[in-house]
Amino acid sequence: MRVLQGVDVPQFYKDDDDRDADFNGAVDDDEVVAEAWERWRTTCAEADKWYDQDTDWDRLIGHHDQQYEVRDIMVHIVEEYARHCGHADLLRECIDGRTGQ
């Protein structure tokens, strides 16, 4: 959502020296898990605040030297979120064997 807010910030779990930093940093540590949940909650709150505004879905947003409509970015966000929820469901299934309904 930060792209839509016009904020260019580094990705939380990206490290140019470690291509898999987002996975390598995902360890079974209560502090790491708590930090990840807090970042997620903060990001969701920022997104909700932005979303509650009067938004022009046709407005163009610059990102990586290209222009994208707000609508296209929102569709991409929904697709990515669904994909990652699917990954989480597969991990849960590996743990307890339950499959989605």
PDB file of N, CA and C in Angstrom:
ATOM      1  N   MET A   1       0.817  -1.198   0.000  1.00  0.00           N
ATOM      2  CA  MET A   1       0.000   0.000   0.000  1.00  0.00           C
ATOM      3  C   MET A   1       0.857   1.257   0.000  1.00  0.00           C
ATOM      4  N   ARG A   2       2.067   1.144   0.421  1.00  0.00           N
ATOM      5  CA  ARG A   2       2.896   2.338   0.488  1.00  0.00           C
ATOM      6  C   ARG A   2       3.133   2.925  -0.895  1.00  0.00           C
ATOM      7  N   VAL A   3       3.105   2.091  -1.920  1.00  0.00           N
ATOM      8  CA  VAL A   3       3.217   2.596  -3.287  1.00  0.00           C
ATOM      9  C   VAL A   3       2.041   3.528  -3.560  1.00  0.00           C
ATOM     10  N   LEU A   4       0.844   3.119  -3.165  1.00  0.00           N
ATOM     11  CA  LEU A   4      -0.347   3.928  -3.387  1.00  0.00           C
ATOM     12  C   LEU A   4      -0.315   5.211  -2.582  1.00  0.00           C
ATOM     13  N   GLN A   5       0.351   5.196  -1.449  1.00  0.00           N
ATOM     14  CA  GLN A   5       0.440   6.375  -0.597  1.00  0.00           C
ATOM     15  C   GLN A   5       1.539   7.323  -1.053  1.00  0.00           C
ATOM     16  N   GLY A   6       2.260   6.941  -2.107  1.00  0.00           N
ATOM     17  CA  GLY A   6       3.325   7.791  -2.614  1.00  0.00           C
ATOM     18  C   GLY A   6       4.562   7.788  -1.737  1.00  0.00           C
ATOM     19  N   VAL A   7       4.724   6.720  -0.953  1.00  0.00           N
ATOM     20  CA  VAL A   7       5.866   6.618  -0.050  1.00  0.00           C
ATOM     21  C   VAL A   7       6.811   5.555  -0.599  1.00  0.00           C
ATOM     22  N   ASP A   8       8.045   5.933  -0.816  1.00  0.00           N
ATOM     23  CA  ASP A   8       9.045   4.993  -1.301  1.00  0.00           C
ATOM     24  C   ASP A   8       9.888   4.553  -0.101  1.00  0.00           C
ATOM     25  N   VAL A   9       9.591   3.375   0.417  1.00  0.00           N
ATOM     26  CA  VAL A   9      10.313   2.863   1.584  1.00  0.00           C
ATOM     27  C   VAL A   9      10.931   1.521   1.235  1.00  0.00           C
ATOM     28  N   PRO A  10      12.021   1.179   1.891  1.00  0.00           N
ATOM     29  CA  PRO A  10      12.615  -0.136   1.630  1.00  0.00           C
ATOM     30  C   PRO A  10      11.681  -1.247   2.115  1.00  0.00           C
ATOM     31  N   GLN A  11      11.752  -2.376   1.467  1.00  0.00           N
ATOM     32  CA  GLN A  11      10.951  -3.521   1.900  1.00  0.00           C
ATOM     33  C   GLN A  11      11.482  -4.020   3.234  1.00  0.00           C
ATOM     34  N   PHE A  12      10.569  -4.456   4.092  1.00  0.00           N
ATOM     35  CA  PHE A  12      10.954  -4.875   5.442  1.00  0.00           C
ATOM     36  C   PHE A  12      11.960  -6.015   5.448  1.00  0.00           C
ATOM     37  N   TYR A  13      11.743  -7.008   4.639  1.00  0.00           N
ATOM     38  CA  TYR A  13      12.544  -8.233   4.739  1.00  0.00           C
ATOM     39  C   TYR A  13      13.424  -8.460   3.520  1.00  0.00           C
ATOM     40  N   LYS A  14      13.857  -7.386   2.899  1.00  0.00           N
ATOM     41  CA  LYS A  14      14.719  -7.500   1.725  1.00  0.00           C
ATOM     42  C   LYS A  14      16.152  -7.143   2.118  1.00  0.00           C
ATOM     43  N   ASP A  15      17.077  -7.940   1.625  1.00  0.00           N
ATOM     44  CA  ASP A  15      18.493  -7.717   1.899  1.00  0.00           C
ATOM     45  C   ASP A  15      19.256  -8.013   0.606  1.00  0.00           C
ATOM     46  N   ASP A  16      19.895  -6.999   0.042  1.00  0.00           N
ATOM     47  CA  ASP A  16      20.599  -7.188  -1.228  1.00  0.00           C
ATOM     48  C   ASP A  16      21.726  -8.209  -1.129  1.00  0.00           C
ATOM     49  N   ASP A  17      22.265  -8.420   0.067  1.00  0.00           N
ATOM     50  CA  ASP A  17      23.351  -9.384   0.252  1.00  0.00           C
ATOM     51  C   ASP A  17      22.843 -10.810   0.464  1.00  0.00           C
ATOM     52  N   ASP A  18      21.559 -10.952   0.754  1.00  0.00           N
ATOM     53  CA  ASP A  18      20.975 -12.273   1.006  1.00  0.00           C
ATOM     54  C   ASP A  18      19.643 -12.352   0.273  1.00  0.00           C
ATOM     55  N   ARG A  19      19.665 -12.969  -0.894  1.00  0.00           N
ATOM     56  CA  ARG A  19      18.464 -13.045  -1.724  1.00  0.00           C
ATOM     57  C   ARG A  19      17.286 -13.688  -1.015  1.00  0.00           C
ATOM     58  N   ASP A  20      17.559 -14.578  -0.094  1.00  0.00           N
ATOM     59  CA  ASP A  20      16.503 -15.287   0.632  1.00  0.00           C
ATOM     60  C   ASP A  20      16.329 -14.769   2.048  1.00  0.00           C
ATOM     61  N   ALA A  21      16.648 -13.511   2.275  1.00  0.00           N
ATOM     62  CA  ALA A  21      16.581 -12.946   3.630  1.00  0.00           C
ATOM     63  C   ALA A  21      15.185 -13.055   4.223  1.00  0.00           C
ATOM     64  N   ASP A  22      14.172 -12.903   3.372  1.00  0.00           N
ATOM     65  CA  ASP A  22      12.804 -12.991   3.893  1.00  0.00           C
ATOM     66  C   ASP A  22      12.507 -14.383   4.445  1.00  0.00           C
ATOM     67  N   PHE A  23      13.124 -15.418   3.880  1.00  0.00           N
ATOM     68  CA  PHE A  23      12.938 -16.775   4.394  1.00  0.00           C
ATOM     69  C   PHE A  23      13.937 -17.091   5.500  1.00  0.00           C
ATOM     70  N   ASN A  24      15.177 -16.696   5.304  1.00  0.00           N
ATOM     71  CA  ASN A  24      16.209 -16.989   6.291  1.00  0.00           C
ATOM     72  C   ASN A  24      15.928 -16.316   7.637  1.00  0.00           C
ATOM     73  N   GLY A  25      15.258 -15.169   7.585  1.00  0.00           N
ATOM     74  CA  GLY A  25      14.948 -14.455   8.813  1.00  0.00           C
ATOM     75  C   GLY A  25      13.696 -14.960   9.508  1.00  0.00           C
ATOM     76  N   ALA A  26      12.945 -15.845   8.844  1.00  0.00           N
ATOM     77  CA  ALA A  26      11.715 -16.395   9.426  1.00  0.00           C
ATOM     78  C   ALA A  26      12.084 -17.570  10.323  1.00  0.00           C
ATOM     79  N   VAL A  27      12.403 -17.247  11.547  1.00  0.00           N
ATOM     80  CA  VAL A  27      12.851 -18.271  12.489  1.00  0.00           C
ATOM     81  C   VAL A  27      11.860 -18.410  13.641  1.00  0.00           C
ATOM     82  N   ASP A  28      11.933 -19.532  14.311  1.00  0.00           N
ATOM     83  CA  ASP A  28      11.053 -19.834  15.439  1.00  0.00           C
ATOM     84  C   ASP A  28      11.568 -19.103  16.676  1.00  0.00           C
ATOM     85  N   ASP A  29      11.250 -17.813  16.718  1.00  0.00           N
ATOM     86  CA  ASP A  29      11.686 -16.960  17.820  1.00  0.00           C
ATOM     87  C   ASP A  29      10.533 -16.019  18.146  1.00  0.00           C
ATOM     88  N   ASP A  30      10.110 -15.992  19.393  1.00  0.00           N
ATOM     89  CA  ASP A  30       8.946 -15.197  19.784  1.00  0.00           C
ATOM     90  C   ASP A  30       9.089 -13.721  19.410  1.00  0.00           C
ATOM     91  N   GLU A  31      10.282 -13.162  19.534  1.00  0.00           N
ATOM     92  CA  GLU A  31      10.485 -11.750  19.198  1.00  0.00           C
ATOM     93  C   GLU A  31      10.343 -11.512  17.701  1.00  0.00           C
ATOM     94  N   VAL A  32      10.870 -12.415  16.892  1.00  0.00           N
ATOM     95  CA  VAL A  32      10.766 -12.286  15.439  1.00  0.00           C
ATOM     96  C   VAL A  32       9.301 -12.370  15.014  1.00  0.00           C
ATOM     97  N   VAL A  33       8.572 -13.320  15.593  1.00  0.00           N
ATOM     98  CA  VAL A  33       7.155 -13.482  15.261  1.00  0.00           C
ATOM     99  C   VAL A  33       6.364 -12.253  15.703  1.00  0.00           C
ATOM    100  N   ALA A  34       6.623 -11.770  16.919  1.00  0.00           N
ATOM    101  CA  ALA A  34       5.909 -10.584  17.429  1.00  0.00           C
ATOM    102  C   ALA A  34       6.187  -9.368  16.550  1.00  0.00           C
ATOM    103  N   GLU A  35       7.432  -9.203  16.119  1.00  0.00           N
ATOM    104  CA  GLU A  35       7.781  -8.073  15.255  1.00  0.00           C
ATOM    105  C   GLU A  35       7.063  -8.183  13.909  1.00  0.00           C
ATOM    106  N   ALA A  36       7.007  -9.388  13.349  1.00  0.00           N
ATOM    107  CA  ALA A  36       6.332  -9.579  12.064  1.00  0.00           C
ATOM    108  C   ALA A  36       4.839  -9.248  12.181  1.00  0.00           C
ATOM    109  N   TRP A  37       4.193  -9.720  13.254  1.00  0.00           N
ATOM    110  CA  TRP A  37       2.773  -9.411  13.449  1.00  0.00           C
ATOM    111  C   TRP A  37       2.571  -7.919  13.630  1.00  0.00           C
ATOM    112  N   GLU A  38       3.438  -7.262  14.366  1.00  0.00           N
ATOM    113  CA  GLU A  38       3.295  -5.815  14.588  1.00  0.00           C
ATOM    114  C   GLU A  38       3.468  -5.052  13.284  1.00  0.00           C
ATOM    115  N   ARG A  39       4.433  -5.448  12.468  1.00  0.00           N
ATOM    116  CA  ARG A  39       4.608  -4.796  11.160  1.00  0.00           C
ATOM    117  C   ARG A  39       3.383  -5.006  10.290  1.00  0.00           C
ATOM    118  N   TRP A  40       2.822  -6.212  10.321  1.00  0.00           N
ATOM    119  CA  TRP A  40       1.628  -6.499   9.531  1.00  0.00           C
ATOM    120  C   TRP A  40       0.462  -5.634  10.001  1.00  0.00           C
ATOM    121  N   ARG A  41       0.252  -5.559  11.317  1.00  0.00           N
ATOM    122  CA  ARG A  41      -0.849  -4.747  11.854  1.00  0.00           C
ATOM    123  C   ARG A  41      -0.679  -3.273  11.487  1.00  0.00           C
ATOM    124  N   THR A  42       0.538  -2.767  11.608  1.00  0.00           N
ATOM    125  CA  THR A  42       0.804  -1.367  11.285  1.00  0.00           C
ATOM    126  C   THR A  42       0.551  -1.102   9.802  1.00  0.00           C
ATOM    127  N   THR A  43       1.028  -1.989   8.962  1.00  0.00           N
ATOM    128  CA  THR A  43       0.829  -1.839   7.522  1.00  0.00           C
ATOM    129  C   THR A  43      -0.653  -1.891   7.170  1.00  0.00           C
ATOM    130  N   CYS A  44      -1.392  -2.809   7.785  1.00  0.00           N
ATOM    131  CA  CYS A  44      -2.840  -2.896   7.536  1.00  0.00           C
ATOM    132  C   CYS A  44      -3.547  -1.628   7.996  1.00  0.00           C
ATOM    133  N   ALA A  45      -3.160  -1.087   9.150  1.00  0.00           N
ATOM    134  CA  ALA A  45      -3.783   0.144   9.653  1.00  0.00           C
ATOM    135  C   ALA A  45      -3.508   1.304   8.701  1.00  0.00           C
ATOM    136  N   GLU A  46      -2.283   1.402   8.195  1.00  0.00           N
ATOM    137  CA  GLU A  46      -1.946   2.454   7.232  1.00  0.00           C
ATOM    138  C   GLU A  46      -2.759   2.280   5.952  1.00  0.00           C
ATOM    139  N   ALA A  47      -2.905   1.037   5.503  1.00  0.00           N
ATOM    140  CA  ALA A  47      -3.670   0.760   4.293  1.00  0.00           C
ATOM    141  C   ALA A  47      -5.144   1.110   4.500  1.00  0.00           C
ATOM    142  N   ASP A  48      -5.694   0.732   5.644  1.00  0.00           N
ATOM    143  CA  ASP A  48      -7.100   1.057   5.929  1.00  0.00           C
ATOM    144  C   ASP A  48      -7.322   2.563   5.955  1.00  0.00           C
ATOM    145  N   LYS A  49      -6.390   3.285   6.542  1.00  0.00           N
ATOM    146  CA  LYS A  49      -6.505   4.751   6.601  1.00  0.00           C
ATOM    147  C   LYS A  49      -6.503   5.334   5.191  1.00  0.00           C
ATOM    148  N   TRP A  50      -5.606   4.841   4.345  1.00  0.00           N
ATOM    149  CA  TRP A  50      -5.547   5.318   2.972  1.00  0.00           C
ATOM    150  C   TRP A  50      -6.831   4.943   2.233  1.00  0.00           C
ATOM    151  N   TYR A  51      -7.271   3.695   2.403  1.00  0.00           N
ATOM    152  CA  TYR A  51      -8.431   3.186   1.680  1.00  0.00           C
ATOM    153  C   TYR A  51      -9.708   3.947   2.039  1.00  0.00           C
ATOM    154  N   ASP A  52      -9.801   4.425   3.264  1.00  0.00           N
ATOM    155  CA  ASP A  52     -10.991   5.147   3.717  1.00  0.00           C
ATOM    156  C   ASP A  52     -11.109   6.539   3.088  1.00  0.00           C
ATOM    157  N   GLN A  53     -10.072   6.988   2.418  1.00  0.00           N
ATOM    158  CA  GLN A  53     -10.119   8.289   1.757  1.00  0.00           C
ATOM    159  C   GLN A  53     -10.965   8.201   0.488  1.00  0.00           C
ATOM    160  N   ASP A  54     -11.281   9.349  -0.052  1.00  0.00           N
ATOM    161  CA  ASP A  54     -11.952   9.419  -1.346  1.00  0.00           C
ATOM    162  C   ASP A  54     -10.889   9.137  -2.406  1.00  0.00           C
ATOM    163  N   THR A  55     -10.939   7.966  -3.003  1.00  0.00           N
ATOM    164  CA  THR A  55      -9.875   7.518  -3.892  1.00  0.00           C
ATOM    165  C   THR A  55     -10.313   7.563  -5.348  1.00  0.00           C
ATOM    166  N   ASP A  56      -9.456   8.073  -6.185  1.00  0.00           N
ATOM    167  CA  ASP A  56      -9.659   8.076  -7.627  1.00  0.00           C
ATOM    168  C   ASP A  56      -8.998   6.813  -8.191  1.00  0.00           C
ATOM    169  N   TRP A  57      -9.795   5.817  -8.524  1.00  0.00           N
ATOM    170  CA  TRP A  57      -9.280   4.519  -8.971  1.00  0.00           C
ATOM    171  C   TRP A  57      -8.583   4.603 -10.332  1.00  0.00           C
ATOM    172  N   ASP A  58      -8.827   5.681 -11.079  1.00  0.00           N
ATOM    173  CA  ASP A  58      -8.170   5.861 -12.378  1.00  0.00           C
ATOM    174  C   ASP A  58      -6.847   6.611 -12.262  1.00  0.00           C
ATOM    175  N   ARG A  59      -6.574   7.150 -11.074  1.00  0.00           N
ATOM    176  CA  ARG A  59      -5.353   7.950 -10.875  1.00  0.00           C
ATOM    177  C   ARG A  59      -4.116   7.105 -11.161  1.00  0.00           C
ATOM    178  N   LEU A  60      -3.120   7.731 -11.767  1.00  0.00           N
ATOM    179  CA  LEU A  60      -1.867   7.045 -12.069  1.00  0.00           C
ATOM    180  C   LEU A  60      -0.870   7.257 -10.938  1.00  0.00           C
ATOM    181  N   ILE A  61      -0.167   6.189 -10.615  1.00  0.00           N
ATOM    182  CA  ILE A  61       0.858   6.204  -9.572  1.00  0.00           C
ATOM    183  C   ILE A  61       2.177   5.796 -10.222  1.00  0.00           C
ATOM    184  N   GLY A  62       3.221   6.544  -9.962  1.00  0.00           N
ATOM    185  CA  GLY A  62       4.531   6.184 -10.475  1.00  0.00           C
ATOM    186  C   GLY A  62       5.208   5.174  -9.556  1.00  0.00           C
ATOM    187  N   HIS A  63       5.766   4.125 -10.176  1.00  0.00           N
ATOM    188  CA  HIS A  63       6.491   3.102  -9.415  1.00  0.00           C
ATOM    189  C   HIS A  63       7.509   2.453 -10.336  1.00  0.00           C
ATOM    190  N   HIS A  64       8.768   2.466  -9.926  1.00  0.00           N
ATOM    191  CA  HIS A  64       9.852   1.891 -10.737  1.00  0.00           C
ATOM    192  C   HIS A  64       9.821   2.421 -12.169  1.00  0.00           C
ATOM    193  N   ASP A  65       9.742   3.734 -12.287  1.00  0.00           N
ATOM    194  CA  ASP A  65       9.781   4.407 -13.591  1.00  0.00           C
ATOM    195  C   ASP A  65       8.637   4.031 -14.523  1.00  0.00           C
ATOM    196  N   GLN A  66       7.528   3.547 -13.981  1.00  0.00           N
ATOM    197  CA  GLN A  66       6.352   3.239 -14.780  1.00  0.00           C
ATOM    198  C   GLN A  66       5.137   3.866 -14.122  1.00  0.00           C
ATOM    199  N   GLN A  67       4.048   3.971 -14.862  1.00  0.00           N
ATOM    200  CA  GLN A  67       2.795   4.506 -14.348  1.00  0.00           C
ATOM    201  C   GLN A  67       1.754   3.386 -14.284  1.00  0.00           C
ATOM    202  N   TYR A  68       1.059   3.309 -13.160  1.00  0.00           N
ATOM    203  CA  TYR A  68       0.029   2.293 -12.961  1.00  0.00           C
ATOM    204  C   TYR A  68      -1.229   2.945 -12.408  1.00  0.00           C
ATOM    205  N   GLU A  69      -2.394   2.447 -12.836  1.00  0.00           N
ATOM    206  CA  GLU A  69      -3.645   2.926 -12.259  1.00  0.00           C
ATOM    207  C   GLU A  69      -3.795   2.347 -10.853  1.00  0.00           C
ATOM    208  N   VAL A  70      -4.397   3.118  -9.966  1.00  0.00           N
ATOM    209  CA  VAL A  70      -4.672   2.651  -8.610  1.00  0.00           C
ATOM    210  C   VAL A  70      -5.428   1.323  -8.669  1.00  0.00           C
ATOM    211  N   ARG A  71      -6.389   1.229  -9.561  1.00  0.00           N
ATOM    212  CA  ARG A  71      -7.191   0.010  -9.719  1.00  0.00           C
ATOM    213  C   ARG A  71      -6.294  -1.210  -9.967  1.00  0.00           C
ATOM    214  N   ASP A  72      -5.326  -1.092 -10.862  1.00  0.00           N
ATOM    215  CA  ASP A  72      -4.439  -2.210 -11.189  1.00  0.00           C
ATOM    216  C   ASP A  72      -3.571  -2.601  -9.987  1.00  0.00           C
ATOM    217  N   ILE A  73      -3.132  -1.614  -9.237  1.00  0.00           N
ATOM    218  CA  ILE A  73      -2.318  -1.905  -8.050  1.00  0.00           C
ATOM    219  C   ILE A  73      -3.153  -2.643  -7.013  1.00  0.00           C
ATOM    220  N   MET A  74      -4.407  -2.205  -6.826  1.00  0.00           N
ATOM    221  CA  MET A  74      -5.275  -2.870  -5.851  1.00  0.00           C
ATOM    222  C   MET A  74      -5.555  -4.319  -6.250  1.00  0.00           C
ATOM    223  N   VAL A  75      -5.780  -4.574  -7.524  1.00  0.00           N
ATOM    224  CA  VAL A  75      -6.000  -5.942  -7.992  1.00  0.00           C
ATOM    225  C   VAL A  75      -4.753  -6.779  -7.716  1.00  0.00           C
ATOM    226  N   HIS A  76      -3.589  -6.225  -7.983  1.00  0.00           N
ATOM    227  CA  HIS A  76      -2.339  -6.940  -7.727  1.00  0.00           C
ATOM    228  C   HIS A  76      -2.192  -7.266  -6.235  1.00  0.00           C
ATOM    229  N   ILE A  77      -2.546  -6.319  -5.371  1.00  0.00           N
ATOM    230  CA  ILE A  77      -2.448  -6.547  -3.925  1.00  0.00           C
ATOM    231  C   ILE A  77      -3.365  -7.696  -3.502  1.00  0.00           C
ATOM    232  N   VAL A  78      -4.588  -7.720  -4.024  1.00  0.00           N
ATOM    233  CA  VAL A  78      -5.515  -8.803  -3.686  1.00  0.00           C
ATOM    234  C   VAL A  78      -4.957 -10.147  -4.164  1.00  0.00           C
ATOM    235  N   GLU A  79      -4.409 -10.168  -5.373  1.00  0.00           N
ATOM    236  CA  GLU A  79      -3.826 -11.412  -5.903  1.00  0.00           C
ATOM    237  C   GLU A  79      -2.672 -11.897  -5.033  1.00  0.00           C
ATOM    238  N   GLU A  80      -1.786 -10.991  -4.660  1.00  0.00           N
ATOM    239  CA  GLU A  80      -0.633 -11.368  -3.829  1.00  0.00           C
ATOM    240  C   GLU A  80      -1.070 -11.865  -2.451  1.00  0.00           C
ATOM    241  N   TYR A  81      -2.024 -11.153  -1.867  1.00  0.00           N
ATOM    242  CA  TYR A  81      -2.514 -11.548  -0.542  1.00  0.00           C
ATOM    243  C   TYR A  81      -3.124 -12.948  -0.615  1.00  0.00           C
ATOM    244  N   ALA A  82      -3.943 -13.210  -1.635  1.00  0.00           N
ATOM    245  CA  ALA A  82      -4.571 -14.528  -1.795  1.00  0.00           C
ATOM    246  C   ALA A  82      -3.512 -15.605  -1.992  1.00  0.00           C
ATOM    247  N   ARG A  83      -2.503 -15.310  -2.770  1.00  0.00           N
ATOM    248  CA  ARG A  83      -1.433 -16.278  -3.010  1.00  0.00           C
ATOM    249  C   ARG A  83      -0.726 -16.639  -1.705  1.00  0.00           C
ATOM    250  N   HIS A  84      -0.413 -15.633  -0.911  1.00  0.00           N
ATOM    251  CA  HIS A  84       0.289 -15.906   0.343  1.00  0.00           C
ATOM    252  C   HIS A  84      -0.599 -16.595   1.369  1.00  0.00           C
ATOM    253  N   CYS A  85      -1.883 -16.288   1.367  1.00  0.00           N
ATOM    254  CA  CYS A  85      -2.807 -17.014   2.250  1.00  0.00           C
ATOM    255  C   CYS A  85      -2.856 -18.483   1.837  1.00  0.00           C
ATOM    256  N   GLY A  86      -2.807 -18.737   0.541  1.00  0.00           N
ATOM    257  CA  GLY A  86      -2.761 -20.115   0.061  1.00  0.00           C
ATOM    258  C   GLY A  86      -1.514 -20.830   0.526  1.00  0.00           C
ATOM    259  N   HIS A  87      -0.383 -20.131   0.510  1.00  0.00           N
ATOM    260  CA  HIS A  87       0.859 -20.734   1.015  1.00  0.00           C
ATOM    261  C   HIS A  87       0.719 -21.085   2.483  1.00  0.00           C
ATOM    262  N   ALA A  88       0.153 -20.180   3.255  1.00  0.00           N
ATOM    263  CA  ALA A  88      -0.031 -20.428   4.684  1.00  0.00           C
ATOM    264  C   ALA A  88      -0.948 -21.631   4.905  1.00  0.00           C
ATOM    265  N   ASP A  89      -1.968 -21.764   4.073  1.00  0.00           N
ATOM    266  CA  ASP A  89      -2.882 -22.897   4.188  1.00  0.00           C
ATOM    267  C   ASP A  89      -2.146 -24.208   3.903  1.00  0.00           C
ATOM    268  N   LEU A  90      -1.259 -24.201   2.915  1.00  0.00           N
ATOM    269  CA  LEU A  90      -0.481 -25.409   2.616  1.00  0.00           C
ATOM    270  C   LEU A  90       0.435 -25.777   3.780  1.00  0.00           C
ATOM    271  N   LEU A  91       1.041 -24.765   4.401  1.00  0.00           N
ATOM    272  CA  LEU A  91       1.903 -25.037   5.559  1.00  0.00           C
ATOM    273  C   LEU A  91       1.088 -25.622   6.711  1.00  0.00           C
ATOM    274  N   ARG A  92      -0.091 -25.041   6.952  1.00  0.00           N
ATOM    275  CA  ARG A  92      -0.936 -25.557   8.022  1.00  0.00           C
ATOM    276  C   ARG A  92      -1.354 -26.987   7.725  1.00  0.00           C
ATOM    277  N   GLU A  93      -1.681 -27.274   6.469  1.00  0.00           N
ATOM    278  CA  GLU A  93      -2.064 -28.625   6.092  1.00  0.00           C
ATOM    279  C   GLU A  93      -0.927 -29.608   6.356  1.00  0.00           C
ATOM    280  N   CYS A  94       0.305 -29.196   6.104  1.00  0.00           N
ATOM    281  CA  CYS A  94       1.457 -30.061   6.380  1.00  0.00           C
ATOM    282  C   CYS A  94       1.594 -30.355   7.881  1.00  0.00           C
ATOM    283  N   ILE A  95       1.161 -29.405   8.689  1.00  0.00           N
ATOM    284  CA  ILE A  95       1.289 -29.569  10.135  1.00  0.00           C
ATOM    285  C   ILE A  95       0.230 -30.512  10.679  1.00  0.00           C
ATOM    286  N   ASP A  96      -1.040 -30.297  10.303  1.00  0.00           N
ATOM    287  CA  ASP A  96      -2.104 -31.082  10.938  1.00  0.00           C
ATOM    288  C   ASP A  96      -2.916 -31.945   9.986  1.00  0.00           C
ATOM    289  N   GLY A  97      -2.629 -31.873   8.700  1.00  0.00           N
ATOM    290  CA  GLY A  97      -3.308 -32.735   7.738  1.00  0.00           C
ATOM    291  C   GLY A  97      -4.682 -32.260   7.292  1.00  0.00           C
ATOM    292  N   ARG A  98      -5.198 -31.223   7.913  1.00  0.00           N
ATOM    293  CA  ARG A  98      -6.521 -30.712   7.527  1.00  0.00           C
ATOM    294  C   ARG A  98      -6.429 -30.013   6.185  1.00  0.00           C
ATOM    295  N   THR A  99      -7.456 -30.176   5.379  1.00  0.00           N
ATOM    296  CA  THR A  99      -7.506 -29.477   4.092  1.00  0.00           C
ATOM    297  C   THR A  99      -8.605 -28.442   4.146  1.00  0.00           C
ATOM    298  N   GLY A 100      -8.523 -27.471   3.264  1.00  0.00           N
ATOM    299  CA  GLY A 100      -9.516 -26.391   3.217  1.00  0.00           C
ATOM    300  C   GLY A 100     -10.893 -26.909   2.868  1.00  0.00           C
ATOM    301  N   GLN A 101     -11.880 -26.180   3.278  1.00  0.00           N
ATOM    302  CA  GLN A 101     -13.272 -26.583   3.048  1.00  0.00           C
ATOM    303  C   GLN A 101     -13.765 -25.991   1.761  1.00  0.00           C
TER     304      GLN A 101
END
